[in-house]
Amino acid sequence: MPSKKVKKKRNLSTYLAVLPAALLVVFIAYLIVTPPSQSISTISTTGQTNTVKTGDIATPFSLDLIDETGLKNEKVSFRPDSGQIYFIDFIHEWCVHCRNMAPIVERLHQTYAEKGVVFITVAGGYNTDAQKTAQFIKNYRVTWPVGFDPQLEIFRQYGVRGTPTYVIVNKNGIIAAKLEGEQPYEALARELDRLLG
């Protein structure tokens, strides 16, 4: 029968053998769920931090249109003075959370586009390209306009720090909601229902 001292030594040896593997798994998981830091920068070229929040006036933008076949020779434009409600979805094609949210955004589109809500996705170009973004559009059946933002100019303009980020603009061109990260369908639907009220 082993002594208590030998048993303690064996337990400690087992613990020390497993600890590095466990730490490695945690570190790898962290790297997978954390987007690259450059893709979430909110520093403008003037060195000022862009902070866009609820109640701010939305700023217009125009981007190259991209669909499941690639970049088009067309633009997708957002005009906050158009008198419409907008749901703007900021994504990266490599973002796991964006992929998780794609079916929820599709469900929102099916419900709210017929009620007059205009959907636009702004796809960031950091650490990716138009071809991979087109594949995302095809895989997740994105049927509304998608603008490709290769230099993250619109991301910075709207103070997007991570993806996905959702910006909901009311009929007066005011940002009614800005939500970051994965959201339940009900939370996004509640914001749209409030504006449609």
N, C-alpha and C. Protein backbone atom coordinates (compact mmCIF):
# COMPACT_ATOMS: atom_id res chain seq x y z
N MET A 1 0.85 -1.17 0.00
CA MET A 1 0.00 0.00 0.00
C MET A 1 0.90 1.25 0.00
N PRO A 2 0.69 2.16 -0.97
CA PRO A 2 1.55 3.33 -1.06
C PRO A 2 1.32 4.26 0.12
N SER A 3 2.39 4.89 0.50
CA SER A 3 2.30 5.83 1.62
C SER A 3 1.62 7.11 1.16
N LYS A 4 1.16 7.92 2.13
CA LYS A 4 0.50 9.18 1.81
C LYS A 4 1.44 10.11 1.07
N LYS A 5 2.72 10.07 1.41
CA LYS A 5 3.71 10.93 0.78
C LYS A 5 3.84 10.58 -0.71
N VAL A 6 3.88 9.31 -1.04
CA VAL A 6 3.98 8.86 -2.43
C VAL A 6 2.72 9.23 -3.18
N LYS A 7 1.56 9.06 -2.54
CA LYS A 7 0.28 9.37 -3.16
C LYS A 7 0.19 10.87 -3.47
N LYS A 8 0.60 11.72 -2.53
CA LYS A 8 0.59 13.16 -2.74
C LYS A 8 1.52 13.54 -3.88
N LYS A 9 2.67 12.90 -3.94
CA LYS A 9 3.65 13.18 -4.99
C LYS A 9 3.07 12.79 -6.35
N ARG A 10 2.38 11.64 -6.41
CA ARG A 10 1.77 11.18 -7.65
C ARG A 10 0.66 12.16 -8.09
N ASN A 11 -0.18 12.63 -7.16
CA ASN A 11 -1.24 13.59 -7.48
C ASN A 11 -0.65 14.91 -7.98
N LEU A 12 0.41 15.37 -7.34
CA LEU A 12 1.06 16.59 -7.76
C LEU A 12 1.67 16.43 -9.15
N SER A 13 2.28 15.30 -9.42
CA SER A 13 2.86 15.03 -10.74
C SER A 13 1.78 15.02 -11.81
N THR A 14 0.66 14.41 -11.52
CA THR A 14 -0.46 14.37 -12.48
C THR A 14 -0.97 15.78 -12.74
N TYR A 15 -1.14 16.55 -11.69
CA TYR A 15 -1.61 17.93 -11.80
C TYR A 15 -0.66 18.76 -12.65
N LEU A 16 0.63 18.65 -12.38
CA LEU A 16 1.62 19.42 -13.13
C LEU A 16 1.70 18.99 -14.59
N ALA A 17 1.40 17.74 -14.87
CA ALA A 17 1.42 17.26 -16.25
C ALA A 17 0.21 17.77 -17.02
N VAL A 18 -0.93 17.90 -16.38
CA VAL A 18 -2.17 18.32 -17.03
C VAL A 18 -2.26 19.85 -17.16
N LEU A 19 -1.69 20.58 -16.24
CA LEU A 19 -1.80 22.03 -16.20
C LEU A 19 -1.35 22.71 -17.50
N PRO A 20 -0.19 22.41 -18.07
CA PRO A 20 0.20 23.08 -19.32
C PRO A 20 -0.77 22.81 -20.47
N ALA A 21 -1.28 21.61 -20.56
CA ALA A 21 -2.23 21.28 -21.62
C ALA A 21 -3.52 22.08 -21.44
N ALA A 22 -3.99 22.19 -20.22
CA ALA A 22 -5.21 22.95 -19.94
C ALA A 22 -5.01 24.43 -20.27
N LEU A 23 -3.87 24.98 -19.90
CA LEU A 23 -3.59 26.38 -20.21
C LEU A 23 -3.50 26.61 -21.72
N LEU A 24 -2.93 25.68 -22.43
CA LEU A 24 -2.84 25.78 -23.89
C LEU A 24 -4.23 25.79 -24.52
N VAL A 25 -5.11 24.93 -24.05
CA VAL A 25 -6.48 24.87 -24.58
C VAL A 25 -7.19 26.20 -24.32
N VAL A 26 -7.06 26.75 -23.14
CA VAL A 26 -7.69 28.04 -22.81
C VAL A 26 -7.13 29.14 -23.70
N PHE A 27 -5.83 29.16 -23.91
CA PHE A 27 -5.20 30.17 -24.74
C PHE A 27 -5.67 30.07 -26.19
N ILE A 28 -5.74 28.88 -26.73
CA ILE A 28 -6.21 28.68 -28.11
C ILE A 28 -7.66 29.12 -28.24
N ALA A 29 -8.49 28.78 -27.27
CA ALA A 29 -9.89 29.21 -27.30
C ALA A 29 -9.99 30.73 -27.29
N TYR A 30 -9.15 31.38 -26.49
CA TYR A 30 -9.13 32.84 -26.45
C TYR A 30 -8.76 33.42 -27.82
N LEU A 31 -7.75 32.87 -28.46
CA LEU A 31 -7.33 33.36 -29.77
C LEU A 31 -8.42 33.18 -30.81
N ILE A 32 -9.17 32.11 -30.73
CA ILE A 32 -10.23 31.84 -31.70
C ILE A 32 -11.37 32.85 -31.56
N VAL A 33 -11.77 33.15 -30.34
CA VAL A 33 -12.93 34.03 -30.14
C VAL A 33 -12.59 35.51 -30.13
N THR A 34 -11.31 35.87 -30.08
CA THR A 34 -10.91 37.27 -30.06
C THR A 34 -10.48 37.68 -31.46
N PRO A 35 -11.19 38.68 -32.07
CA PRO A 35 -10.78 39.11 -33.40
C PRO A 35 -9.45 39.84 -33.35
N PRO A 36 -8.74 39.89 -34.48
CA PRO A 36 -7.47 40.61 -34.52
C PRO A 36 -7.65 42.07 -34.13
N SER A 37 -6.71 42.62 -33.41
CA SER A 37 -6.87 43.97 -32.86
C SER A 37 -7.00 45.04 -33.93
N GLN A 38 -6.34 44.90 -35.07
CA GLN A 38 -6.45 45.93 -36.10
C GLN A 38 -7.86 46.02 -36.64
N SER A 39 -8.60 44.93 -36.63
CA SER A 39 -9.95 44.95 -37.18
C SER A 39 -10.93 45.64 -36.28
N ILE A 40 -10.56 45.92 -35.05
CA ILE A 40 -11.50 46.56 -34.15
C ILE A 40 -11.05 47.95 -33.75
N SER A 41 -10.07 48.48 -34.44
CA SER A 41 -9.58 49.81 -34.14
C SER A 41 -10.66 50.85 -34.41
N THR A 42 -10.80 51.81 -33.51
CA THR A 42 -11.73 52.90 -33.72
C THR A 42 -11.00 54.24 -33.77
N ILE A 43 -9.73 54.21 -34.07
CA ILE A 43 -8.95 55.44 -34.14
C ILE A 43 -9.03 55.97 -35.57
N SER A 44 -9.43 57.21 -35.71
CA SER A 44 -9.52 57.81 -37.04
C SER A 44 -8.13 58.25 -37.49
N THR A 45 -8.04 58.69 -38.73
CA THR A 45 -6.74 59.12 -39.26
C THR A 45 -6.26 60.39 -38.58
N THR A 46 -7.16 61.12 -37.92
CA THR A 46 -6.75 62.33 -37.21
C THR A 46 -6.28 62.03 -35.80
N GLY A 47 -6.37 60.76 -35.40
CA GLY A 47 -5.95 60.38 -34.06
C GLY A 47 -7.07 60.46 -33.04
N GLN A 48 -8.25 60.89 -33.46
CA GLN A 48 -9.39 60.98 -32.56
C GLN A 48 -10.13 59.64 -32.54
N THR A 49 -10.69 59.30 -31.38
CA THR A 49 -11.47 58.09 -31.26
C THR A 49 -12.90 58.37 -31.70
N ASN A 50 -13.42 57.58 -32.62
CA ASN A 50 -14.79 57.72 -33.06
C ASN A 50 -15.70 57.03 -32.06
N THR A 51 -16.63 57.77 -31.52
CA THR A 51 -17.62 57.18 -30.63
C THR A 51 -18.99 57.54 -31.17
N VAL A 52 -19.67 56.57 -31.70
CA VAL A 52 -21.02 56.76 -32.22
C VAL A 52 -21.94 56.04 -31.27
N LYS A 53 -22.98 56.76 -30.84
CA LYS A 53 -23.87 56.17 -29.84
C LYS A 53 -25.32 56.48 -30.17
N THR A 54 -26.20 55.86 -29.43
CA THR A 54 -27.62 56.11 -29.57
C THR A 54 -27.89 57.61 -29.41
N GLY A 55 -28.70 58.14 -30.31
CA GLY A 55 -29.04 59.56 -30.27
C GLY A 55 -28.23 60.41 -31.23
N ASP A 56 -27.13 59.87 -31.76
CA ASP A 56 -26.32 60.61 -32.73
C ASP A 56 -26.99 60.59 -34.10
N ILE A 57 -26.67 61.58 -34.90
CA ILE A 57 -27.15 61.62 -36.28
C ILE A 57 -26.30 60.65 -37.10
N ALA A 58 -26.96 59.78 -37.83
CA ALA A 58 -26.24 58.82 -38.68
C ALA A 58 -25.62 59.56 -39.86
N THR A 59 -24.46 59.10 -40.29
CA THR A 59 -23.79 59.73 -41.43
C THR A 59 -23.93 58.84 -42.66
N PRO A 60 -24.14 59.46 -43.82
CA PRO A 60 -24.32 58.67 -45.04
C PRO A 60 -23.02 57.99 -45.46
N PHE A 61 -23.18 56.94 -46.26
CA PHE A 61 -22.01 56.28 -46.83
C PHE A 61 -22.39 55.59 -48.13
N SER A 62 -21.38 55.28 -48.90
CA SER A 62 -21.54 54.55 -50.15
C SER A 62 -20.36 53.60 -50.29
N LEU A 63 -20.65 52.34 -50.59
CA LEU A 63 -19.62 51.31 -50.72
C LEU A 63 -19.86 50.50 -51.98
N ASP A 64 -18.81 49.81 -52.43
CA ASP A 64 -18.97 48.90 -53.56
C ASP A 64 -19.88 47.75 -53.15
N LEU A 65 -20.85 47.46 -54.01
CA LEU A 65 -21.77 46.35 -53.78
C LEU A 65 -21.05 45.03 -54.03
N ILE A 66 -21.31 44.07 -53.17
CA ILE A 66 -20.76 42.72 -53.34
C ILE A 66 -21.90 41.74 -53.14
N ASP A 67 -21.92 40.69 -53.97
CA ASP A 67 -22.90 39.63 -53.78
C ASP A 67 -22.18 38.29 -53.82
N GLU A 68 -22.92 37.21 -53.95
CA GLU A 68 -22.31 35.88 -53.88
C GLU A 68 -21.35 35.58 -55.02
N THR A 69 -21.36 36.40 -56.08
CA THR A 69 -20.43 36.19 -57.19
C THR A 69 -19.21 37.11 -57.12
N GLY A 70 -19.23 38.07 -56.20
CA GLY A 70 -18.09 38.98 -56.05
C GLY A 70 -18.50 40.44 -56.13
N LEU A 71 -17.50 41.30 -56.29
CA LEU A 71 -17.75 42.74 -56.37
C LEU A 71 -18.49 43.08 -57.65
N LYS A 72 -19.41 44.02 -57.54
CA LYS A 72 -20.20 44.48 -58.69
C LYS A 72 -19.72 45.87 -59.08
N ASN A 73 -20.10 46.28 -60.24
CA ASN A 73 -19.78 47.63 -60.70
C ASN A 73 -20.93 48.57 -60.30
N GLU A 74 -21.36 48.43 -59.04
CA GLU A 74 -22.47 49.22 -58.50
C GLU A 74 -22.11 49.64 -57.09
N LYS A 75 -22.90 50.55 -56.56
CA LYS A 75 -22.71 51.01 -55.18
C LYS A 75 -23.94 50.66 -54.35
N VAL A 76 -23.70 50.44 -53.07
CA VAL A 76 -24.79 50.38 -52.10
C VAL A 76 -24.63 51.64 -51.25
N SER A 77 -25.71 52.40 -51.15
CA SER A 77 -25.64 53.68 -50.45
C SER A 77 -26.63 53.72 -49.30
N PHE A 78 -26.21 54.37 -48.24
CA PHE A 78 -27.06 54.61 -47.08
C PHE A 78 -27.28 56.11 -46.98
N ARG A 79 -28.55 56.49 -47.04
CA ARG A 79 -28.94 57.90 -46.91
C ARG A 79 -29.86 58.04 -45.71
N PRO A 80 -29.36 58.52 -44.59
CA PRO A 80 -30.18 58.60 -43.39
C PRO A 80 -31.35 59.57 -43.50
N ASP A 81 -31.33 60.45 -44.50
CA ASP A 81 -32.41 61.42 -44.66
C ASP A 81 -33.54 60.90 -45.56
N SER A 82 -33.55 59.60 -45.83
CA SER A 82 -34.54 59.04 -46.76
C SER A 82 -35.90 58.77 -46.13
N GLY A 83 -36.01 58.93 -44.81
CA GLY A 83 -37.29 58.70 -44.14
C GLY A 83 -37.60 57.23 -43.91
N GLN A 84 -36.58 56.38 -43.97
CA GLN A 84 -36.78 54.95 -43.76
C GLN A 84 -36.05 54.49 -42.51
N ILE A 85 -36.47 53.34 -41.99
CA ILE A 85 -35.78 52.70 -40.88
C ILE A 85 -34.72 51.78 -41.48
N TYR A 86 -33.50 51.85 -40.94
CA TYR A 86 -32.40 51.03 -41.44
C TYR A 86 -31.87 50.10 -40.35
N PHE A 87 -31.54 48.89 -40.77
CA PHE A 87 -30.85 47.91 -39.93
C PHE A 87 -29.51 47.68 -40.60
N ILE A 88 -28.43 48.17 -39.99
CA ILE A 88 -27.09 48.04 -40.59
C ILE A 88 -26.30 47.04 -39.76
N ASP A 89 -25.80 46.04 -40.44
CA ASP A 89 -25.12 44.89 -39.84
C ASP A 89 -23.64 44.96 -40.23
N PHE A 90 -22.74 45.16 -39.28
CA PHE A 90 -21.30 45.20 -39.55
C PHE A 90 -20.71 43.82 -39.25
N ILE A 91 -20.03 43.23 -40.24
CA ILE A 91 -19.51 41.87 -40.09
C ILE A 91 -18.10 41.75 -40.68
N HIS A 92 -17.46 40.63 -40.38
CA HIS A 92 -16.30 40.11 -41.11
C HIS A 92 -16.65 38.67 -41.46
N GLU A 93 -16.26 38.23 -42.62
CA GLU A 93 -16.63 36.87 -43.04
C GLU A 93 -15.99 35.80 -42.16
N TRP A 94 -14.87 36.09 -41.54
CA TRP A 94 -14.17 35.09 -40.70
C TRP A 94 -14.67 35.09 -39.26
N CYS A 95 -15.54 36.00 -38.92
CA CYS A 95 -16.02 36.17 -37.54
C CYS A 95 -17.01 35.06 -37.17
N VAL A 96 -16.65 34.26 -36.19
CA VAL A 96 -17.50 33.15 -35.74
C VAL A 96 -18.85 33.67 -35.25
N HIS A 97 -18.84 34.78 -34.53
CA HIS A 97 -20.09 35.33 -34.00
C HIS A 97 -20.99 35.83 -35.13
N CYS A 98 -20.39 36.38 -36.19
CA CYS A 98 -21.17 36.82 -37.35
C CYS A 98 -21.83 35.62 -38.03
N ARG A 99 -21.10 34.53 -38.12
CA ARG A 99 -21.67 33.31 -38.70
C ARG A 99 -22.80 32.77 -37.84
N ASN A 100 -22.62 32.82 -36.51
CA ASN A 100 -23.69 32.38 -35.61
C ASN A 100 -24.94 33.25 -35.76
N MET A 101 -24.74 34.54 -36.01
CA MET A 101 -25.85 35.48 -36.10
C MET A 101 -26.52 35.51 -37.47
N ALA A 102 -25.87 34.98 -38.50
CA ALA A 102 -26.41 35.07 -39.86
C ALA A 102 -27.85 34.54 -39.96
N PRO A 103 -28.20 33.39 -39.38
CA PRO A 103 -29.59 32.93 -39.47
C PRO A 103 -30.57 33.86 -38.74
N ILE A 104 -30.12 34.48 -37.67
CA ILE A 104 -30.99 35.41 -36.93
C ILE A 104 -31.24 36.67 -37.75
N VAL A 105 -30.19 37.20 -38.38
CA VAL A 105 -30.35 38.38 -39.22
C VAL A 105 -31.23 38.04 -40.42
N GLU A 106 -31.07 36.85 -40.99
CA GLU A 106 -31.94 36.42 -42.10
C GLU A 106 -33.40 36.37 -41.65
N ARG A 107 -33.64 35.85 -40.46
CA ARG A 107 -35.01 35.79 -39.93
C ARG A 107 -35.57 37.20 -39.71
N LEU A 108 -34.75 38.11 -39.20
CA LEU A 108 -35.18 39.51 -39.05
C LEU A 108 -35.54 40.10 -40.41
N HIS A 109 -34.70 39.84 -41.40
CA HIS A 109 -34.95 40.35 -42.74
C HIS A 109 -36.28 39.83 -43.28
N GLN A 110 -36.53 38.55 -43.11
CA GLN A 110 -37.79 37.96 -43.59
C GLN A 110 -39.00 38.62 -42.93
N THR A 111 -38.87 38.97 -41.67
CA THR A 111 -40.00 39.56 -40.93
C THR A 111 -40.14 41.06 -41.16
N TYR A 112 -39.04 41.79 -41.18
CA TYR A 112 -39.12 43.25 -41.13
C TYR A 112 -38.92 43.95 -42.47
N ALA A 113 -38.37 43.31 -43.47
CA ALA A 113 -38.21 43.96 -44.77
C ALA A 113 -39.59 44.28 -45.36
N GLU A 114 -40.53 43.36 -45.16
CA GLU A 114 -41.89 43.59 -45.68
C GLU A 114 -42.61 44.69 -44.91
N LYS A 115 -42.09 45.07 -43.75
CA LYS A 115 -42.66 46.17 -42.96
C LYS A 115 -41.95 47.50 -43.26
N GLY A 116 -41.04 47.48 -44.23
CA GLY A 116 -40.38 48.70 -44.66
C GLY A 116 -38.99 48.95 -44.11
N VAL A 117 -38.46 48.03 -43.30
CA VAL A 117 -37.10 48.21 -42.78
C VAL A 117 -36.10 47.86 -43.88
N VAL A 118 -35.14 48.74 -44.10
CA VAL A 118 -34.11 48.53 -45.11
C VAL A 118 -32.89 47.90 -44.43
N PHE A 119 -32.44 46.78 -44.97
CA PHE A 119 -31.28 46.06 -44.42
C PHE A 119 -30.07 46.32 -45.29
N ILE A 120 -28.95 46.63 -44.64
CA ILE A 120 -27.66 46.77 -45.32
C ILE A 120 -26.61 46.08 -44.45
N THR A 121 -25.78 45.27 -45.07
CA THR A 121 -24.64 44.69 -44.36
C THR A 121 -23.38 45.39 -44.85
N VAL A 122 -22.53 45.76 -43.90
CA VAL A 122 -21.22 46.33 -44.22
C VAL A 122 -20.20 45.25 -43.86
N ALA A 123 -19.56 44.70 -44.88
CA ALA A 123 -18.59 43.61 -44.69
C ALA A 123 -17.18 44.19 -44.69
N GLY A 124 -16.50 44.01 -43.57
CA GLY A 124 -15.14 44.52 -43.44
C GLY A 124 -14.14 43.71 -44.24
N GLY A 125 -13.09 44.40 -44.71
CA GLY A 125 -12.09 43.75 -45.53
C GLY A 125 -10.79 43.44 -44.83
N TYR A 126 -10.75 43.59 -43.49
CA TYR A 126 -9.50 43.30 -42.79
C TYR A 126 -9.27 41.79 -42.73
N ASN A 127 -8.08 41.37 -43.11
CA ASN A 127 -7.67 39.96 -43.02
C ASN A 127 -8.55 39.04 -43.87
N THR A 128 -9.09 39.58 -44.94
CA THR A 128 -9.93 38.81 -45.85
C THR A 128 -9.93 39.49 -47.21
N ASP A 129 -10.74 38.99 -48.12
CA ASP A 129 -10.84 39.61 -49.44
C ASP A 129 -12.27 39.47 -49.95
N ALA A 130 -12.50 40.06 -51.12
CA ALA A 130 -13.85 40.06 -51.70
C ALA A 130 -14.33 38.64 -52.01
N GLN A 131 -13.44 37.77 -52.46
CA GLN A 131 -13.83 36.40 -52.80
C GLN A 131 -14.34 35.64 -51.58
N LYS A 132 -13.65 35.75 -50.46
CA LYS A 132 -14.09 35.07 -49.23
C LYS A 132 -15.39 35.68 -48.71
N THR A 133 -15.52 36.99 -48.86
CA THR A 133 -16.76 37.65 -48.43
C THR A 133 -17.92 37.20 -49.30
N ALA A 134 -17.70 37.07 -50.60
CA ALA A 134 -18.74 36.57 -51.51
C ALA A 134 -19.17 35.16 -51.12
N GLN A 135 -18.22 34.34 -50.71
CA GLN A 135 -18.54 32.98 -50.28
C GLN A 135 -19.40 33.00 -49.01
N PHE A 136 -19.11 33.91 -48.09
CA PHE A 136 -19.94 34.08 -46.88
C PHE A 136 -21.37 34.43 -47.29
N ILE A 137 -21.51 35.38 -48.21
CA ILE A 137 -22.84 35.81 -48.68
C ILE A 137 -23.60 34.62 -49.27
N LYS A 138 -22.90 33.80 -50.04
CA LYS A 138 -23.53 32.61 -50.63
C LYS A 138 -23.90 31.59 -49.56
N ASN A 139 -22.95 31.27 -48.68
CA ASN A 139 -23.18 30.24 -47.67
C ASN A 139 -24.32 30.59 -46.72
N TYR A 140 -24.45 31.87 -46.38
CA TYR A 140 -25.46 32.28 -45.40
C TYR A 140 -26.67 32.94 -46.04
N ARG A 141 -26.77 32.82 -47.36
CA ARG A 141 -27.94 33.27 -48.11
C ARG A 141 -28.34 34.71 -47.78
N VAL A 142 -27.37 35.60 -47.86
CA VAL A 142 -27.63 37.02 -47.62
C VAL A 142 -28.24 37.59 -48.90
N THR A 143 -29.49 38.00 -48.83
CA THR A 143 -30.22 38.44 -50.03
C THR A 143 -30.43 39.95 -50.10
N TRP A 144 -29.99 40.69 -49.10
CA TRP A 144 -30.11 42.14 -49.08
C TRP A 144 -28.76 42.74 -49.47
N PRO A 145 -28.70 44.05 -49.73
CA PRO A 145 -27.44 44.66 -50.18
C PRO A 145 -26.31 44.55 -49.16
N VAL A 146 -25.12 44.23 -49.68
CA VAL A 146 -23.91 44.15 -48.87
C VAL A 146 -22.88 45.08 -49.50
N GLY A 147 -22.32 45.97 -48.68
CA GLY A 147 -21.25 46.85 -49.13
C GLY A 147 -19.92 46.34 -48.59
N PHE A 148 -18.90 46.35 -49.45
CA PHE A 148 -17.58 45.87 -49.05
C PHE A 148 -16.74 47.06 -48.61
N ASP A 149 -16.23 47.00 -47.38
CA ASP A 149 -15.47 48.08 -46.76
C ASP A 149 -14.02 47.62 -46.56
N PRO A 150 -13.21 47.61 -47.64
CA PRO A 150 -11.88 46.99 -47.57
C PRO A 150 -10.93 47.67 -46.58
N GLN A 151 -11.04 48.96 -46.40
CA GLN A 151 -10.15 49.69 -45.49
C GLN A 151 -10.80 50.03 -44.15
N LEU A 152 -11.98 49.49 -43.90
CA LEU A 152 -12.72 49.69 -42.65
C LEU A 152 -13.06 51.16 -42.39
N GLU A 153 -13.23 51.94 -43.46
CA GLU A 153 -13.55 53.36 -43.30
C GLU A 153 -14.91 53.56 -42.64
N ILE A 154 -15.90 52.79 -43.06
CA ILE A 154 -17.25 52.93 -42.49
C ILE A 154 -17.27 52.33 -41.09
N PHE A 155 -16.50 51.27 -40.87
CA PHE A 155 -16.36 50.72 -39.51
C PHE A 155 -15.89 51.83 -38.56
N ARG A 156 -14.85 52.57 -38.96
CA ARG A 156 -14.31 53.64 -38.12
C ARG A 156 -15.32 54.78 -37.97
N GLN A 157 -15.97 55.11 -39.08
CA GLN A 157 -16.96 56.19 -39.07
C GLN A 157 -18.06 55.92 -38.04
N TYR A 158 -18.42 54.65 -37.88
CA TYR A 158 -19.49 54.27 -36.94
C TYR A 158 -18.95 53.74 -35.61
N GLY A 159 -17.66 53.85 -35.40
CA GLY A 159 -17.08 53.44 -34.12
C GLY A 159 -17.24 51.96 -33.83
N VAL A 160 -17.19 51.14 -34.87
CA VAL A 160 -17.34 49.69 -34.69
C VAL A 160 -16.05 49.14 -34.10
N ARG A 161 -16.17 48.54 -32.92
CA ARG A 161 -15.00 48.02 -32.20
C ARG A 161 -14.85 46.52 -32.37
N GLY A 162 -15.88 45.85 -32.80
CA GLY A 162 -15.85 44.41 -32.98
C GLY A 162 -17.05 43.98 -33.79
N THR A 163 -17.02 42.75 -34.24
CA THR A 163 -18.13 42.25 -35.05
C THR A 163 -18.75 41.03 -34.39
N PRO A 164 -20.04 40.88 -34.59
CA PRO A 164 -20.96 41.77 -35.30
C PRO A 164 -21.34 42.98 -34.46
N THR A 165 -21.67 44.06 -35.15
CA THR A 165 -22.26 45.24 -34.53
C THR A 165 -23.49 45.60 -35.36
N TYR A 166 -24.55 45.96 -34.66
CA TYR A 166 -25.81 46.31 -35.31
C TYR A 166 -26.14 47.76 -34.99
N VAL A 167 -26.41 48.54 -36.04
CA VAL A 167 -26.82 49.93 -35.89
C VAL A 167 -28.20 50.05 -36.50
N ILE A 168 -29.14 50.53 -35.70
CA ILE A 168 -30.52 50.71 -36.17
C ILE A 168 -30.79 52.21 -36.20
N VAL A 169 -31.22 52.68 -37.38
CA VAL A 169 -31.42 54.11 -37.62
C VAL A 169 -32.90 54.37 -37.83
N ASN A 170 -33.44 55.39 -37.13
CA ASN A 170 -34.87 55.68 -37.26
C ASN A 170 -35.16 56.51 -38.51
N LYS A 171 -36.44 56.81 -38.74
CA LYS A 171 -36.87 57.52 -39.94
C LYS A 171 -36.32 58.94 -40.02
N ASN A 172 -35.89 59.49 -38.89
CA ASN A 172 -35.33 60.84 -38.86
C ASN A 172 -33.81 60.84 -39.03
N GLY A 173 -33.22 59.68 -39.28
CA GLY A 173 -31.78 59.60 -39.48
C GLY A 173 -30.98 59.60 -38.19
N ILE A 174 -31.64 59.28 -37.07
CA ILE A 174 -30.98 59.24 -35.77
C ILE A 174 -30.69 57.79 -35.40
N ILE A 175 -29.52 57.54 -34.83
CA ILE A 175 -29.20 56.18 -34.38
C ILE A 175 -30.06 55.86 -33.17
N ALA A 176 -30.97 54.90 -33.36
CA ALA A 176 -31.91 54.52 -32.30
C ALA A 176 -31.33 53.43 -31.41
N ALA A 177 -30.41 52.63 -31.95
CA ALA A 177 -29.79 51.55 -31.16
C ALA A 177 -28.47 51.17 -31.81
N LYS A 178 -27.52 50.81 -30.95
CA LYS A 178 -26.24 50.26 -31.40
C LYS A 178 -25.92 49.10 -30.46
N LEU A 179 -25.91 47.89 -31.02
CA LEU A 179 -25.70 46.69 -30.22
C LEU A 179 -24.48 45.95 -30.74
N GLU A 180 -23.64 45.48 -29.84
CA GLU A 180 -22.42 44.77 -30.22
C GLU A 180 -22.49 43.32 -29.78
N GLY A 181 -21.91 42.45 -30.61
CA GLY A 181 -21.84 41.04 -30.27
C GLY A 181 -23.11 40.29 -30.61
N GLU A 182 -23.09 39.00 -30.30
CA GLU A 182 -24.26 38.16 -30.56
C GLU A 182 -25.44 38.66 -29.73
N GLN A 183 -26.59 38.73 -30.37
CA GLN A 183 -27.82 39.20 -29.73
C GLN A 183 -28.93 38.19 -29.99
N PRO A 184 -29.84 38.02 -29.05
CA PRO A 184 -30.99 37.17 -29.33
C PRO A 184 -31.92 37.86 -30.33
N TYR A 185 -32.62 37.07 -31.10
CA TYR A 185 -33.58 37.60 -32.07
C TYR A 185 -34.51 38.60 -31.39
N GLU A 186 -34.99 38.25 -30.20
CA GLU A 186 -35.98 39.07 -29.50
C GLU A 186 -35.45 40.48 -29.19
N ALA A 187 -34.18 40.60 -28.86
CA ALA A 187 -33.61 41.91 -28.53
C ALA A 187 -33.57 42.81 -29.77
N LEU A 188 -33.17 42.26 -30.90
CA LEU A 188 -33.12 43.03 -32.14
C LEU A 188 -34.53 43.35 -32.63
N ALA A 189 -35.43 42.37 -32.55
CA ALA A 189 -36.82 42.58 -32.97
C ALA A 189 -37.49 43.65 -32.11
N ARG A 190 -37.21 43.66 -30.83
CA ARG A 190 -37.80 44.65 -29.92
C ARG A 190 -37.40 46.07 -30.34
N GLU A 191 -36.14 46.24 -30.73
CA GLU A 191 -35.69 47.57 -31.18
C GLU A 191 -36.42 48.00 -32.45
N LEU A 192 -36.59 47.07 -33.38
CA LEU A 192 -37.29 47.40 -34.63
C LEU A 192 -38.77 47.65 -34.36
N ASP A 193 -39.39 46.84 -33.52
CA ASP A 193 -40.82 47.02 -33.19
C ASP A 193 -41.05 48.39 -32.55
N ARG A 194 -40.12 48.81 -31.71
CA ARG A 194 -40.24 50.10 -31.03
C ARG A 194 -40.30 51.24 -32.06
N LEU A 195 -39.51 51.13 -33.13
CA LEU A 195 -39.49 52.18 -34.15
C LEU A 195 -40.70 52.09 -35.07
N LEU A 196 -41.18 50.89 -35.30
CA LEU A 196 -42.34 50.71 -36.18
C LEU A 196 -43.64 51.06 -35.46
N GLY A 197 -43.59 50.95 -34.11
CA GLY A 197 -44.67 51.18 -33.17
C GLY A 197 -45.89 51.75 -33.71
